[in-house]
Amino acid sequence: MQNFIYQLVRFAIKLILTVLGLVFAISLLGSALIVVLLSLLKSVLTGKKPAPVVVFRNFQKFAPGGIWPGAAKAQNTGEVVDVEVREVRANPEALKSEQLPR
């Protein structure tokens, strides 16, 4: 009789912990889905690229061996371009009238 009660309690504890684990996992996945959807909605409203796309592109660009094995690697030309720094303002007329120092 004691063995049966012990097994019943053990089964109940396992069932409760399994249900709690499933609730935790589903809530975690649901919250991640909500964050991604809000990020996509923000990108649609602001006109910027979605954050998940930017993160994935950066990962592709900076991954040491490339993200896809067997993909052709880009040729590095080795050119360095030196550019002048200038301030960009909202008024395009101000840029036309202003001369850059040389």
Protein backbone atom coordinates (compact mmCIF):
# COMPACT_ATOMS: atom_id res chain seq x y z
CA MET A 1 0.00 0.00 0.00
CA GLN A 2 2.79 2.40 0.88
CA ASN A 3 4.54 1.63 -2.40
CA PHE A 4 1.39 2.52 -4.34
CA ILE A 5 1.02 5.87 -2.53
CA TYR A 6 4.72 6.59 -3.09
CA GLN A 7 4.38 5.90 -6.82
CA LEU A 8 1.20 7.99 -7.02
CA VAL A 9 2.86 10.98 -5.32
CA ARG A 10 5.93 10.56 -7.51
CA PHE A 11 3.78 10.51 -10.65
CA ALA A 12 1.86 13.61 -9.49
CA ILE A 13 5.09 15.54 -8.87
CA LYS A 14 6.48 14.53 -12.28
CA LEU A 15 3.21 15.55 -13.94
CA ILE A 16 3.14 18.93 -12.17
CA LEU A 17 6.79 19.67 -13.03
CA THR A 18 6.25 18.64 -16.66
CA VAL A 19 3.21 20.90 -16.97
CA LEU A 20 5.10 23.80 -15.35
CA GLY A 21 8.02 23.25 -17.73
CA LEU A 22 5.71 23.23 -20.74
CA VAL A 23 3.97 26.41 -19.56
CA PHE A 24 7.36 28.09 -19.09
CA ALA A 25 8.61 27.02 -22.54
CA ILE A 26 5.39 28.07 -24.28
CA SER A 27 5.36 31.44 -22.51
CA LEU A 28 9.01 32.01 -23.44
CA LEU A 29 8.34 31.20 -27.10
CA GLY A 30 5.21 33.34 -27.06
CA SER A 31 7.03 36.34 -25.62
CA ALA A 32 9.83 35.95 -28.20
CA LEU A 33 7.22 35.83 -30.96
CA ILE A 34 5.55 38.99 -29.62
CA VAL A 35 8.91 40.81 -29.51
CA VAL A 36 9.70 39.83 -33.11
CA LEU A 37 6.24 40.87 -34.30
CA LEU A 38 6.52 44.23 -32.53
CA SER A 39 9.95 44.71 -34.08
CA LEU A 40 8.55 43.98 -37.53
CA LEU A 41 5.63 46.34 -36.93
CA LYS A 42 8.05 49.07 -35.86
CA SER A 43 10.12 48.52 -39.00
CA VAL A 44 7.02 48.80 -41.18
CA LEU A 45 5.98 52.04 -39.49
CA THR A 46 9.45 53.64 -39.50
CA GLY A 47 10.56 52.36 -42.91
CA LYS A 48 13.79 50.86 -41.58
CA LYS A 49 14.90 47.28 -42.09
CA PRO A 50 13.62 44.80 -39.49
CA ALA A 51 16.06 44.08 -36.67
CA PRO A 52 16.09 40.27 -37.21
CA VAL A 53 17.09 40.80 -40.85
CA VAL A 54 19.89 43.19 -39.88
CA VAL A 55 21.20 40.78 -37.23
CA PHE A 56 21.15 37.85 -39.67
CA ARG A 57 22.94 39.88 -42.36
CA ASN A 58 25.60 41.00 -39.89
CA PHE A 59 26.08 37.40 -38.83
CA GLN A 60 26.48 36.36 -42.45
CA LYS A 61 28.94 39.18 -43.12
CA PHE A 62 31.15 38.63 -40.07
CA ALA A 63 30.98 34.83 -39.71
CA PRO A 64 34.57 33.52 -40.02
CA GLY A 65 33.86 30.62 -42.37
CA GLY A 66 30.73 32.02 -43.90
CA ILE A 67 27.31 30.85 -42.86
CA TRP A 68 26.80 28.39 -45.73
CA PRO A 69 29.55 25.83 -46.27
CA GLY A 70 30.62 25.61 -49.88
CA ALA A 71 29.45 29.12 -50.71
CA ALA A 72 31.75 31.18 -52.90
CA LYS A 73 33.79 33.70 -50.95
CA ALA A 74 33.89 37.33 -52.06
CA GLN A 75 37.10 38.56 -53.63
CA ASN A 76 38.91 41.15 -51.54
CA THR A 77 40.25 43.90 -53.80
CA GLY A 78 42.41 45.44 -51.08
CA GLU A 79 41.51 49.00 -52.04
CA VAL A 80 41.24 51.62 -49.32
CA VAL A 81 39.23 54.73 -50.02
CA ASP A 82 39.91 57.86 -47.96
CA VAL A 83 36.95 60.18 -47.62
CA GLU A 84 36.36 63.60 -46.10
CA VAL A 85 34.02 63.90 -43.16
CA ARG A 86 31.24 66.46 -43.49
CA GLU A 87 28.13 67.34 -41.54
CA VAL A 88 24.81 66.50 -43.15
CA ARG A 89 21.94 68.81 -42.27
CA ALA A 90 18.21 68.57 -42.90
CA ASN A 91 18.20 71.71 -45.09
CA PRO A 92 19.70 70.91 -48.53
CA GLU A 93 20.10 74.63 -49.36
CA ALA A 94 22.51 75.03 -46.43
CA LEU A 95 24.76 72.35 -47.91
CA LYS A 96 24.92 74.07 -51.30
CA SER A 97 25.93 77.43 -49.83
CA GLU A 98 28.55 75.99 -47.48
CA GLN A 99 32.10 75.31 -48.73
CA LEU A 100 34.13 72.52 -47.18
CA PRO A 101 37.59 73.52 -45.86
CA ARG A 102 40.48 72.01 -47.77
